[in-house]
Amino acid sequence: MFDASPHYHNLCGAGVITFCDNRIMSSDDKNGGPNHLKAWREFRELSQQQLADAVGTTQHQVAYLESGERGLSAKWLRKLAVALDTTVGMILDHDPHELDSDIVEIWATASNRQRKQISEIARTILKTGTDGD
């Protein structure tokens, strides 16, 4: 059986070396890869301490999560998404500064029912090619 290291892991099966075992992970892949936690915290104008207080942890833990020193588990992502008034997917995939802020705010303030309606309207617009002109 192989121990995990920056060069090897045993997630592909115990005792057998596979192509997967030989993958060298880049620093960008550390603890699940890059995320936009810091950008979302700054977008919501929160300090690390304020975010830490909102999710019941320490400022140091938030710093570790932002830097990738600690992985963003599903549990952390759910807590952080609520505190940042966004979704898990947005934290992982989107820098809020690169999105239309009106859309982000509309989505953030909409109820689940309204979000479903917004999504249906957007799909209809994309499907029909309505361009508003």
Foldseek 3Di string as FASTA:
>chain_A
DDPDDQQAHQPPHPPDDDPVGGDRDDPQPQQNGAWQLVLLCVVLPHQLQRLCVQLVHHSVVSVCPNSSVHHCDPVNLVSSCVSSLHHSCCGGPHRCVPDDVVVVVVCSPDDPVVNVVVVVVVVVCVVVVDDPD
